Amino acid sequence: LAERRSTLDHFHTFIMTKGTTSFGKRHNKTHVMCRRCGKSSYHVQKSTCASCGFPAAQMRRYNWAAKAKRRRTQGTGRMRYLKTMPRRFKNGFRERTTAQSKHASA
């Protein structure tokens, strides 16, 4: 009976490995959605975003991550003000006037 018990114990023991069995224990969320950048990178316990650095005033950016800088730099959004600048510069930033006609008046 003692022999039988030891074989049964051996049969029912699960060896903890770094792989499959460990992955079954993952059911807590460390990162949730960030208010500023919208990515799921806001660390709940640290209360900082791994992507944009929220709640820090400056956005998180590093020169070693050139692609990440390119994704969120100036020109990737709507540019509500800047997109009109080339046209306004070309016309000398005139305001409250009507454009002069390019055709000579007869």
PDB file of N, CA and C in Angstrom:
ATOM      1  N   LEU A   1       0.833  -1.213   0.000  1.00  0.00           N
ATOM      2  CA  LEU A   1       0.000   0.000   0.000  1.00  0.00           C
ATOM      3  C   LEU A   1       0.861   1.254   0.000  1.00  0.00           C
ATOM      4  N   ALA A   2       1.966   1.214   0.746  1.00  0.00           N
ATOM      5  CA  ALA A   2       2.874   2.359   0.801  1.00  0.00           C
ATOM      6  C   ALA A   2       3.496   2.623  -0.559  1.00  0.00           C
ATOM      7  N   GLU A   3       3.840   1.536  -1.265  1.00  0.00           N
ATOM      8  CA  GLU A   3       4.386   1.704  -2.619  1.00  0.00           C
ATOM      9  C   GLU A   3       3.364   2.342  -3.535  1.00  0.00           C
ATOM     10  N   ARG A   4       2.138   1.838  -3.420  1.00  0.00           N
ATOM     11  CA  ARG A   4       1.064   2.349  -4.280  1.00  0.00           C
ATOM     12  C   ARG A   4       0.819   3.834  -4.018  1.00  0.00           C
ATOM     13  N   ARG A   5       0.844   4.244  -2.728  1.00  0.00           N
ATOM     14  CA  ARG A   5       0.607   5.642  -2.368  1.00  0.00           C
ATOM     15  C   ARG A   5       1.702   6.535  -2.950  1.00  0.00           C
ATOM     16  N   SER A   6       2.945   6.104  -2.903  1.00  0.00           N
ATOM     17  CA  SER A   6       4.036   6.921  -3.409  1.00  0.00           C
ATOM     18  C   SER A   6       3.921   7.099  -4.920  1.00  0.00           C
ATOM     19  N   THR A   7       3.467   6.068  -5.629  1.00  0.00           N
ATOM     20  CA  THR A   7       3.300   6.218  -7.081  1.00  0.00           C
ATOM     21  C   THR A   7       2.139   7.135  -7.388  1.00  0.00           C
ATOM     22  N   LEU A   8       1.075   7.065  -6.594  1.00  0.00           N
ATOM     23  CA  LEU A   8      -0.063   7.962  -6.807  1.00  0.00           C
ATOM     24  C   LEU A   8       0.323   9.406  -6.520  1.00  0.00           C
ATOM     25  N   ASP A   9       1.082   9.609  -5.436  1.00  0.00           N
ATOM     26  CA  ASP A   9       1.544  10.963  -5.107  1.00  0.00           C
ATOM     27  C   ASP A   9       2.384  11.521  -6.235  1.00  0.00           C
ATOM     28  N   HIS A  10       3.245  10.676  -6.763  1.00  0.00           N
ATOM     29  CA  HIS A  10       4.093  11.111  -7.876  1.00  0.00           C
ATOM     30  C   HIS A  10       3.241  11.452  -9.091  1.00  0.00           C
ATOM     31  N   PHE A  11       2.169  10.710  -9.305  1.00  0.00           N
ATOM     32  CA  PHE A  11       1.300  10.919 -10.461  1.00  0.00           C
ATOM     33  C   PHE A  11       0.560  12.252 -10.357  1.00  0.00           C
ATOM     34  N   HIS A  12       0.170  12.633  -9.139  1.00  0.00           N
ATOM     35  CA  HIS A  12      -0.644  13.842  -8.958  1.00  0.00           C
ATOM     36  C   HIS A  12       0.155  15.114  -8.693  1.00  0.00           C
ATOM     37  N   THR A  13       1.441  15.015  -8.485  1.00  0.00           N
ATOM     38  CA  THR A  13       2.230  16.224  -8.272  1.00  0.00           C
ATOM     39  C   THR A  13       2.533  16.870  -9.619  1.00  0.00           C
ATOM     40  N   PHE A  14       2.387  18.175  -9.661  1.00  0.00           N
ATOM     41  CA  PHE A  14       2.655  18.915 -10.888  1.00  0.00           C
ATOM     42  C   PHE A  14       3.922  19.714 -10.684  1.00  0.00           C
ATOM     43  N   ILE A  15       4.861  19.533 -11.574  1.00  0.00           N
ATOM     44  CA  ILE A  15       6.138  20.221 -11.462  1.00  0.00           C
ATOM     45  C   ILE A  15       5.977  21.627 -12.029  1.00  0.00           C
ATOM     46  N   MET A  16       6.366  22.624 -11.245  1.00  0.00           N
ATOM     47  CA  MET A  16       6.236  24.014 -11.677  1.00  0.00           C
ATOM     48  C   MET A  16       7.331  24.322 -12.687  1.00  0.00           C
ATOM     49  N   THR A  17       6.962  24.706 -13.872  1.00  0.00           N
ATOM     50  CA  THR A  17       7.942  25.072 -14.883  1.00  0.00           C
ATOM     51  C   THR A  17       7.782  26.543 -15.223  1.00  0.00           C
ATOM     52  N   LYS A  18       8.697  27.040 -16.035  1.00  0.00           N
ATOM     53  CA  LYS A  18       8.635  28.448 -16.439  1.00  0.00           C
ATOM     54  C   LYS A  18       7.604  28.664 -17.537  1.00  0.00           C
ATOM     55  N   GLY A  19       7.158  27.581 -18.150  1.00  0.00           N
ATOM     56  CA  GLY A  19       6.314  27.700 -19.332  1.00  0.00           C
ATOM     57  C   GLY A  19       4.840  27.546 -19.056  1.00  0.00           C
ATOM     58  N   THR A  20       4.242  26.525 -19.661  1.00  0.00           N
ATOM     59  CA  THR A  20       2.793  26.360 -19.748  1.00  0.00           C
ATOM     60  C   THR A  20       2.079  26.487 -18.411  1.00  0.00           C
ATOM     61  N   THR A  21       2.547  25.809 -17.391  1.00  0.00           N
ATOM     62  CA  THR A  21       1.832  25.826 -16.120  1.00  0.00           C
ATOM     63  C   THR A  21       1.870  27.208 -15.474  1.00  0.00           C
ATOM     64  N   SER A  22       2.947  27.945 -15.709  1.00  0.00           N
ATOM     65  CA  SER A  22       3.048  29.288 -15.127  1.00  0.00           C
ATOM     66  C   SER A  22       2.082  30.254 -15.796  1.00  0.00           C
ATOM     67  N   PHE A  23       1.849  30.065 -17.086  1.00  0.00           N
ATOM     68  CA  PHE A  23       0.977  30.982 -17.810  1.00  0.00           C
ATOM     69  C   PHE A  23      -0.469  30.883 -17.338  1.00  0.00           C
ATOM     70  N   GLY A  24      -0.840  29.743 -16.761  1.00  0.00           N
ATOM     71  CA  GLY A  24      -2.200  29.579 -16.268  1.00  0.00           C
ATOM     72  C   GLY A  24      -2.499  30.440 -15.064  1.00  0.00           C
ATOM     73  N   LYS A  25      -1.475  30.929 -14.397  1.00  0.00           N
ATOM     74  CA  LYS A  25      -1.680  31.730 -13.190  1.00  0.00           C
ATOM     75  C   LYS A  25      -1.838  33.219 -13.489  1.00  0.00           C
ATOM     76  N   ARG A  26      -1.737  33.583 -14.756  1.00  0.00           N
ATOM     77  CA  ARG A  26      -1.812  35.008 -15.104  1.00  0.00           C
ATOM     78  C   ARG A  26      -3.261  35.440 -15.305  1.00  0.00           C
ATOM     79  N   HIS A  27      -3.822  36.122 -14.328  1.00  0.00           N
ATOM     80  CA  HIS A  27      -5.177  36.642 -14.490  1.00  0.00           C
ATOM     81  C   HIS A  27      -5.367  38.022 -13.865  1.00  0.00           C
ATOM     82  N   ASN A  28      -4.255  38.666 -13.501  1.00  0.00           N
ATOM     83  CA  ASN A  28      -4.353  40.039 -12.981  1.00  0.00           C
ATOM     84  C   ASN A  28      -3.797  41.006 -14.010  1.00  0.00           C
ATOM     85  N   LYS A  29      -4.374  42.186 -14.084  1.00  0.00           N
ATOM     86  CA  LYS A  29      -3.924  43.162 -15.064  1.00  0.00           C
ATOM     87  C   LYS A  29      -2.951  44.144 -14.423  1.00  0.00           C
ATOM     88  N   THR A  30      -1.747  44.227 -14.981  1.00  0.00           N
ATOM     89  CA  THR A  30      -0.792  45.207 -14.486  1.00  0.00           C
ATOM     90  C   THR A  30      -0.974  46.524 -15.229  1.00  0.00           C
ATOM     91  N   HIS A  31      -1.294  46.463 -16.528  1.00  0.00           N
ATOM     92  CA  HIS A  31      -1.465  47.666 -17.340  1.00  0.00           C
ATOM     93  C   HIS A  31      -2.906  47.802 -17.809  1.00  0.00           C
ATOM     94  N   VAL A  32      -3.422  49.033 -17.741  1.00  0.00           N
ATOM     95  CA  VAL A  32      -4.761  49.348 -18.253  1.00  0.00           C
ATOM     96  C   VAL A  32      -4.634  50.504 -19.228  1.00  0.00           C
ATOM     97  N   MET A  33      -5.744  50.939 -19.809  1.00  0.00           N
ATOM     98  CA  MET A  33      -5.733  52.009 -20.809  1.00  0.00           C
ATOM     99  C   MET A  33      -5.272  53.329 -20.191  1.00  0.00           C
ATOM    100  N   CYS A  34      -4.438  54.049 -20.916  1.00  0.00           N
ATOM    101  CA  CYS A  34      -3.940  55.345 -20.463  1.00  0.00           C
ATOM    102  C   CYS A  34      -4.888  56.441 -20.924  1.00  0.00           C
ATOM    103  N   ARG A  35      -5.103  57.430 -20.061  1.00  0.00           N
ATOM    104  CA  ARG A  35      -6.009  58.533 -20.402  1.00  0.00           C
ATOM    105  C   ARG A  35      -5.438  59.416 -21.483  1.00  0.00           C
ATOM    106  N   ARG A  36      -4.118  59.590 -21.505  1.00  0.00           N
ATOM    107  CA  ARG A  36      -3.501  60.538 -22.430  1.00  0.00           C
ATOM    108  C   ARG A  36      -3.215  59.927 -23.792  1.00  0.00           C
ATOM    109  N   CYS A  37      -2.556  58.761 -23.828  1.00  0.00           N
ATOM    110  CA  CYS A  37      -2.159  58.218 -25.138  1.00  0.00           C
ATOM    111  C   CYS A  37      -3.108  57.145 -25.649  1.00  0.00           C
ATOM    112  N   GLY A  38      -3.970  56.604 -24.792  1.00  0.00           N
ATOM    113  CA  GLY A  38      -4.954  55.626 -25.241  1.00  0.00           C
ATOM    114  C   GLY A  38      -4.422  54.218 -25.369  1.00  0.00           C
ATOM    115  N   LYS A  39      -3.133  54.003 -25.076  1.00  0.00           N
ATOM    116  CA  LYS A  39      -2.568  52.662 -25.164  1.00  0.00           C
ATOM    117  C   LYS A  39      -2.759  51.941 -23.829  1.00  0.00           C
ATOM    118  N   SER A  40      -2.737  50.624 -23.888  1.00  0.00           N
ATOM    119  CA  SER A  40      -2.904  49.839 -22.667  1.00  0.00           C
ATOM    120  C   SER A  40      -1.551  49.707 -21.976  1.00  0.00           C
ATOM    121  N   SER A  41      -1.008  50.830 -21.537  1.00  0.00           N
ATOM    122  CA  SER A  41       0.339  50.874 -20.972  1.00  0.00           C
ATOM    123  C   SER A  41       0.383  51.550 -19.608  1.00  0.00           C
ATOM    124  N   TYR A  42      -0.759  51.902 -19.045  1.00  0.00           N
ATOM    125  CA  TYR A  42      -0.788  52.587 -17.753  1.00  0.00           C
ATOM    126  C   TYR A  42      -0.662  51.559 -16.640  1.00  0.00           C
ATOM    127  N   HIS A  43       0.460  51.602 -15.896  1.00  0.00           N
ATOM    128  CA  HIS A  43       0.727  50.650 -14.821  1.00  0.00           C
ATOM    129  C   HIS A  43      -0.093  51.043 -13.598  1.00  0.00           C
ATOM    130  N   VAL A  44      -0.921  50.118 -13.130  1.00  0.00           N
ATOM    131  CA  VAL A  44      -1.877  50.436 -12.076  1.00  0.00           C
ATOM    132  C   VAL A  44      -1.176  50.726 -10.756  1.00  0.00           C
ATOM    133  N   GLN A  45      -0.217  49.889 -10.365  1.00  0.00           N
ATOM    134  CA  GLN A  45       0.429  50.083  -9.071  1.00  0.00           C
ATOM    135  C   GLN A  45       1.408  51.245  -9.087  1.00  0.00           C
ATOM    136  N   LYS A  46       2.149  51.415 -10.167  1.00  0.00           N
ATOM    137  CA  LYS A  46       3.079  52.546 -10.271  1.00  0.00           C
ATOM    138  C   LYS A  46       2.344  53.837 -10.568  1.00  0.00           C
ATOM    139  N   SER A  47       1.142  53.724 -11.138  1.00  0.00           N
ATOM    140  CA  SER A  47       0.318  54.838 -11.635  1.00  0.00           C
ATOM    141  C   SER A  47       1.109  55.752 -12.569  1.00  0.00           C
ATOM    142  N   THR A  48       1.812  55.130 -13.514  1.00  0.00           N
ATOM    143  CA  THR A  48       2.474  55.858 -14.589  1.00  0.00           C
ATOM    144  C   THR A  48       2.285  55.066 -15.882  1.00  0.00           C
ATOM    145  N   CYS A  49       2.285  55.775 -16.984  1.00  0.00           N
ATOM    146  CA  CYS A  49       2.144  55.126 -18.285  1.00  0.00           C
ATOM    147  C   CYS A  49       3.531  54.760 -18.811  1.00  0.00           C
ATOM    148  N   ALA A  50       3.688  53.521 -19.269  1.00  0.00           N
ATOM    149  CA  ALA A  50       4.972  53.059 -19.792  1.00  0.00           C
ATOM    150  C   ALA A  50       5.243  53.642 -21.171  1.00  0.00           C
ATOM    151  N   SER A  51       4.190  54.101 -21.857  1.00  0.00           N
ATOM    152  CA  SER A  51       4.359  54.600 -23.217  1.00  0.00           C
ATOM    153  C   SER A  51       4.577  56.112 -23.254  1.00  0.00           C
ATOM    154  N   CYS A  52       3.688  56.872 -22.612  1.00  0.00           N
ATOM    155  CA  CYS A  52       3.778  58.336 -22.719  1.00  0.00           C
ATOM    156  C   CYS A  52       4.270  59.003 -21.437  1.00  0.00           C
ATOM    157  N   GLY A  53       4.371  58.253 -20.339  1.00  0.00           N
ATOM    158  CA  GLY A  53       4.875  58.816 -19.095  1.00  0.00           C
ATOM    159  C   GLY A  53       3.847  59.544 -18.261  1.00  0.00           C
ATOM    160  N   PHE A  54       2.569  59.494 -18.652  1.00  0.00           N
ATOM    161  CA  PHE A  54       1.508  60.133 -17.868  1.00  0.00           C
ATOM    162  C   PHE A  54       1.588  59.635 -16.439  1.00  0.00           C
ATOM    163  N   PRO A  55       1.460  60.466 -15.421  1.00  0.00           N
ATOM    164  CA  PRO A  55       0.999  61.851 -15.350  1.00  0.00           C
ATOM    165  C   PRO A  55       2.093  62.905 -15.424  1.00  0.00           C
ATOM    166  N   ALA A  56       3.275  62.578 -15.899  1.00  0.00           N
ATOM    167  CA  ALA A  56       4.329  63.584 -16.049  1.00  0.00           C
ATOM    168  C   ALA A  56       3.895  64.632 -17.078  1.00  0.00           C
ATOM    169  N   ALA A  57       4.310  65.860 -16.877  1.00  0.00           N
ATOM    170  CA  ALA A  57       3.881  66.943 -17.755  1.00  0.00           C
ATOM    171  C   ALA A  57       4.428  66.780 -19.167  1.00  0.00           C
ATOM    172  N   GLN A  58       5.699  66.381 -19.273  1.00  0.00           N
ATOM    173  CA  GLN A  58       6.293  66.171 -20.598  1.00  0.00           C
ATOM    174  C   GLN A  58       5.986  64.766 -21.090  1.00  0.00           C
ATOM    175  N   MET A  59       5.787  64.656 -22.396  1.00  0.00           N
ATOM    176  CA  MET A  59       5.581  63.348 -22.998  1.00  0.00           C
ATOM    177  C   MET A  59       6.890  62.557 -22.946  1.00  0.00           C
ATOM    178  N   ARG A  60       6.798  61.263 -22.708  1.00  0.00           N
ATOM    179  CA  ARG A  60       7.977  60.402 -22.670  1.00  0.00           C
ATOM    180  C   ARG A  60       8.452  60.167 -24.094  1.00  0.00           C
ATOM    181  N   ARG A  61       9.736  60.505 -24.362  1.00  0.00           N
ATOM    182  CA  ARG A  61      10.332  60.238 -25.668  1.00  0.00           C
ATOM    183  C   ARG A  61      11.838  60.111 -25.538  1.00  0.00           C
ATOM    184  N   TYR A  62      12.401  59.195 -26.313  1.00  0.00           N
ATOM    185  CA  TYR A  62      13.828  58.935 -26.250  1.00  0.00           C
ATOM    186  C   TYR A  62      14.394  58.872 -27.654  1.00  0.00           C
ATOM    187  N   ASN A  63      15.642  59.311 -27.802  1.00  0.00           N
ATOM    188  CA  ASN A  63      16.285  59.302 -29.112  1.00  0.00           C
ATOM    189  C   ASN A  63      16.603  57.891 -29.594  1.00  0.00           C
ATOM    190  N   TRP A  64      16.694  56.935 -28.678  1.00  0.00           N
ATOM    191  CA  TRP A  64      16.976  55.567 -29.106  1.00  0.00           C
ATOM    192  C   TRP A  64      15.746  54.906 -29.703  1.00  0.00           C
ATOM    193  N   ALA A  65      14.591  55.516 -29.564  1.00  0.00           N
ATOM    194  CA  ALA A  65      13.353  54.974 -30.144  1.00  0.00           C
ATOM    195  C   ALA A  65      12.885  55.907 -31.245  1.00  0.00           C
ATOM    196  N   ALA A  66      13.576  55.882 -32.371  1.00  0.00           N
ATOM    197  CA  ALA A  66      13.264  56.810 -33.464  1.00  0.00           C
ATOM    198  C   ALA A  66      11.886  56.552 -34.041  1.00  0.00           C
ATOM    199  N   LYS A  67      11.515  55.282 -34.162  1.00  0.00           N
ATOM    200  CA  LYS A  67      10.202  54.960 -34.730  1.00  0.00           C
ATOM    201  C   LYS A  67       9.071  55.449 -33.833  1.00  0.00           C
ATOM    202  N   ALA A  68       9.242  55.287 -32.523  1.00  0.00           N
ATOM    203  CA  ALA A  68       8.209  55.717 -31.578  1.00  0.00           C
ATOM    204  C   ALA A  68       8.035  57.233 -31.635  1.00  0.00           C
ATOM    205  N   LYS A  69       9.143  57.965 -31.820  1.00  0.00           N
ATOM    206  CA  LYS A  69       9.060  59.421 -31.943  1.00  0.00           C
ATOM    207  C   LYS A  69       8.315  59.788 -33.212  1.00  0.00           C
ATOM    208  N   ARG A  70       8.596  59.049 -34.281  1.00  0.00           N
ATOM    209  CA  ARG A  70       7.980  59.324 -35.577  1.00  0.00           C
ATOM    210  C   ARG A  70       6.467  59.108 -35.550  1.00  0.00           C
ATOM    211  N   ARG A  71       6.025  58.161 -34.731  1.00  0.00           N
ATOM    212  CA  ARG A  71       4.601  57.841 -34.688  1.00  0.00           C
ATOM    213  C   ARG A  71       3.764  58.942 -34.059  1.00  0.00           C
ATOM    214  N   ARG A  72       4.361  59.703 -33.122  1.00  0.00           N
ATOM    215  CA  ARG A  72       3.544  60.662 -32.388  1.00  0.00           C
ATOM    216  C   ARG A  72       4.053  62.100 -32.504  1.00  0.00           C
ATOM    217  N   THR A  73       4.902  62.362 -33.507  1.00  0.00           N
ATOM    218  CA  THR A  73       5.477  63.688 -33.627  1.00  0.00           C
ATOM    219  C   THR A  73       4.517  64.641 -34.330  1.00  0.00           C
ATOM    220  N   GLN A  74       4.950  65.874 -34.482  1.00  0.00           N
ATOM    221  CA  GLN A  74       4.143  66.893 -35.138  1.00  0.00           C
ATOM    222  C   GLN A  74       3.884  66.496 -36.587  1.00  0.00           C
ATOM    223  N   GLY A  75       2.632  66.608 -37.002  1.00  0.00           N
ATOM    224  CA  GLY A  75       2.281  66.227 -38.364  1.00  0.00           C
ATOM    225  C   GLY A  75       1.538  64.914 -38.446  1.00  0.00           C
ATOM    226  N   THR A  76       1.393  64.208 -37.317  1.00  0.00           N
ATOM    227  CA  THR A  76       0.667  62.946 -37.334  1.00  0.00           C
ATOM    228  C   THR A  76      -0.783  63.128 -36.926  1.00  0.00           C
ATOM    229  N   GLY A  77      -1.120  64.310 -36.438  1.00  0.00           N
ATOM    230  CA  GLY A  77      -2.497  64.578 -36.027  1.00  0.00           C
ATOM    231  C   GLY A  77      -3.202  65.462 -37.046  1.00  0.00           C
ATOM    232  N   ARG A  78      -4.186  66.228 -36.582  1.00  0.00           N
ATOM    233  CA  ARG A  78      -4.970  67.064 -37.493  1.00  0.00           C
ATOM    234  C   ARG A  78      -4.231  68.320 -37.915  1.00  0.00           C
ATOM    235  N   MET A  79      -3.383  68.845 -37.040  1.00  0.00           N
ATOM    236  CA  MET A  79      -2.646  70.093 -37.291  1.00  0.00           C
ATOM    237  C   MET A  79      -3.604  71.227 -37.685  1.00  0.00           C
ATOM    238  N   ARG A  80      -4.608  71.498 -36.847  1.00  0.00           N
ATOM    239  CA  ARG A  80      -5.654  72.468 -37.177  1.00  0.00           C
ATOM    240  C   ARG A  80      -5.083  73.847 -37.483  1.00  0.00           C
ATOM    241  N   TYR A  81      -4.017  74.226 -36.788  1.00  0.00           N
ATOM    242  CA  TYR A  81      -3.429  75.554 -37.014  1.00  0.00           C
ATOM    243  C   TYR A  81      -2.328  75.492 -38.057  1.00  0.00           C
ATOM    244  N   LEU A  82      -1.417  74.526 -37.916  1.00  0.00           N
ATOM    245  CA  LEU A  82      -0.215  74.497 -38.752  1.00  0.00           C
ATOM    246  C   LEU A  82      -0.480  74.210 -40.220  1.00  0.00           C
ATOM    247  N   LYS A  83      -1.575  73.495 -40.525  1.00  0.00           N
ATOM    248  CA  LYS A  83      -1.767  73.104 -41.922  1.00  0.00           C
ATOM    249  C   LYS A  83      -2.120  74.291 -42.810  1.00  0.00           C
ATOM    250  N   THR A  84      -2.518  75.414 -42.238  1.00  0.00           N
ATOM    251  CA  THR A  84      -2.835  76.596 -43.044  1.00  0.00           C
ATOM    252  C   THR A  84      -1.635  77.520 -43.210  1.00  0.00           C
ATOM    253  N   MET A  85      -0.537  77.235 -42.498  1.00  0.00           N
ATOM    254  CA  MET A  85       0.601  78.148 -42.492  1.00  0.00           C
ATOM    255  C   MET A  85       1.265  78.352 -43.855  1.00  0.00           C
ATOM    256  N   PRO A  86       1.541  77.322 -44.656  1.00  0.00           N
ATOM    257  CA  PRO A  86       2.211  77.561 -45.942  1.00  0.00           C
ATOM    258  C   PRO A  86       1.421  78.511 -46.851  1.00  0.00           C
ATOM    259  N   ARG A  87       0.106  78.342 -46.883  1.00  0.00           N
ATOM    260  CA  ARG A  87      -0.732  79.206 -47.721  1.00  0.00           C
ATOM    261  C   ARG A  87      -0.735  80.640 -47.200  1.00  0.00           C
ATOM    262  N   ARG A  88      -0.845  80.796 -45.887  1.00  0.00           N
ATOM    263  CA  ARG A  88      -0.873  82.144 -45.314  1.00  0.00           C
ATOM    264  C   ARG A  88       0.469  82.840 -45.471  1.00  0.00           C
ATOM    265  N   PHE A  89       1.567  82.069 -45.354  1.00  0.00           N
ATOM    266  CA  PHE A  89       2.906  82.628 -45.539  1.00  0.00           C
ATOM    267  C   PHE A  89       3.088  83.113 -46.975  1.00  0.00           C
ATOM    268  N   LYS A  90       2.602  82.320 -47.919  1.00  0.00           N
ATOM    269  CA  LYS A  90       2.721  82.655 -49.337  1.00  0.00           C
ATOM    270  C   LYS A  90       2.031  83.991 -49.637  1.00  0.00           C
ATOM    271  N   ASN A  91       0.927  84.261 -48.942  1.00  0.00           N
ATOM    272  CA  ASN A  91       0.162  85.480 -49.171  1.00  0.00           C
ATOM    273  C   ASN A  91       0.545  86.599 -48.211  1.00  0.00           C
ATOM    274  N   GLY A  92       1.633  86.445 -47.490  1.00  0.00           N
ATOM    275  CA  GLY A  92       2.114  87.520 -46.622  1.00  0.00           C
ATOM    276  C   GLY A  92       1.281  87.733 -45.375  1.00  0.00           C
ATOM    277  N   PHE A  93       0.575  86.697 -44.906  1.00  0.00           N
ATOM    278  CA  PHE A  93      -0.255  86.769 -43.694  1.00  0.00           C
ATOM    279  C   PHE A  93      -1.251  87.916 -43.743  1.00  0.00           C
ATOM    280  N   ARG A  94      -1.824  88.160 -44.926  1.00  0.00           N
ATOM    281  CA  ARG A  94      -2.817  89.241 -45.038  1.00  0.00           C
ATOM    282  C   ARG A  94      -4.107  88.812 -44.348  1.00  0.00           C
ATOM    283  N   GLU A  95      -4.781  89.812 -43.768  1.00  0.00           N
ATOM    284  CA  GLU A  95      -6.059  89.569 -43.092  1.00  0.00           C
ATOM    285  C   GLU A  95      -6.983  90.743 -43.357  1.00  0.00           C
ATOM    286  N   ARG A  96      -8.257  90.453 -43.336  1.00  0.00           N
ATOM    287  CA  ARG A  96      -9.330  91.451 -43.512  1.00  0.00           C
ATOM    288  C   ARG A  96      -9.206  92.235 -44.821  1.00  0.00           C
ATOM    289  N   THR A  97      -8.722  91.593 -45.856  1.00  0.00           N
ATOM    290  CA  THR A  97      -8.668  92.223 -47.178  1.00  0.00           C
ATOM    291  C   THR A  97      -9.146  91.213 -48.201  1.00  0.00           C
ATOM    292  N   THR A  98      -9.508  91.697 -49.357  1.00  0.00           N
ATOM    293  CA  THR A  98      -9.853  90.787 -50.443  1.00  0.00           C
ATOM    294  C   THR A  98      -8.627  90.637 -51.326  1.00  0.00           C
ATOM    295  N   ALA A  99      -8.444  89.445 -51.872  1.00  0.00           N
ATOM    296  CA  ALA A  99      -7.293  89.170 -52.720  1.00  0.00           C
ATOM    297  C   ALA A  99      -7.387  89.983 -53.992  1.00  0.00           C
ATOM    298  N   GLN A 100      -6.250  90.548 -54.429  1.00  0.00           N
ATOM    299  CA  GLN A 100      -6.241  91.313 -55.678  1.00  0.00           C
ATOM    300  C   GLN A 100      -6.395  90.369 -56.855  1.00  0.00           C
ATOM    301  N   SER A 101      -7.118  90.825 -57.859  1.00  0.00           N
ATOM    302  CA  SER A 101      -7.373  90.003 -59.052  1.00  0.00           C
ATOM    303  C   SER A 101      -6.087  89.839 -59.846  1.00  0.00           C
ATOM    304  N   LYS A 102      -5.825  88.614 -60.321  1.00  0.00           N
ATOM    305  CA  LYS A 102      -4.636  88.351 -61.129  1.00  0.00           C
ATOM    306  C   LYS A 102      -4.840  88.832 -62.565  1.00  0.00           C
ATOM    307  N   HIS A 103      -6.093  89.010 -62.991  1.00  0.00           N
ATOM    308  CA  HIS A 103      -6.402  89.467 -64.364  1.00  0.00           C
ATOM    309  C   HIS A 103      -6.436  90.996 -64.368  1.00  0.00           C
ATOM    310  N   ALA A 104      -5.840  91.566 -65.373  1.00  0.00           N
ATOM    311  CA  ALA A 104      -5.852  93.022 -65.495  1.00  0.00           C
ATOM    312  C   ALA A 104      -7.270  93.478 -65.826  1.00  0.00           C
ATOM    313  N   SER A 105      -7.766  94.452 -65.064  1.00  0.00           N
ATOM    314  CA  SER A 105      -9.134  94.932 -65.312  1.00  0.00           C
ATOM    315  C   SER A 105      -9.117  95.826 -66.570  1.00  0.00           C
ATOM    316  N   ALA A 106     -10.098  95.571 -67.481  1.00  0.00           N
ATOM    317  CA  ALA A 106     -10.126  96.277 -68.765  1.00  0.00           C
ATOM    318  C   ALA A 106     -10.842  97.589 -68.706  1.00  0.00           C
TER     319      ALA A 106
END
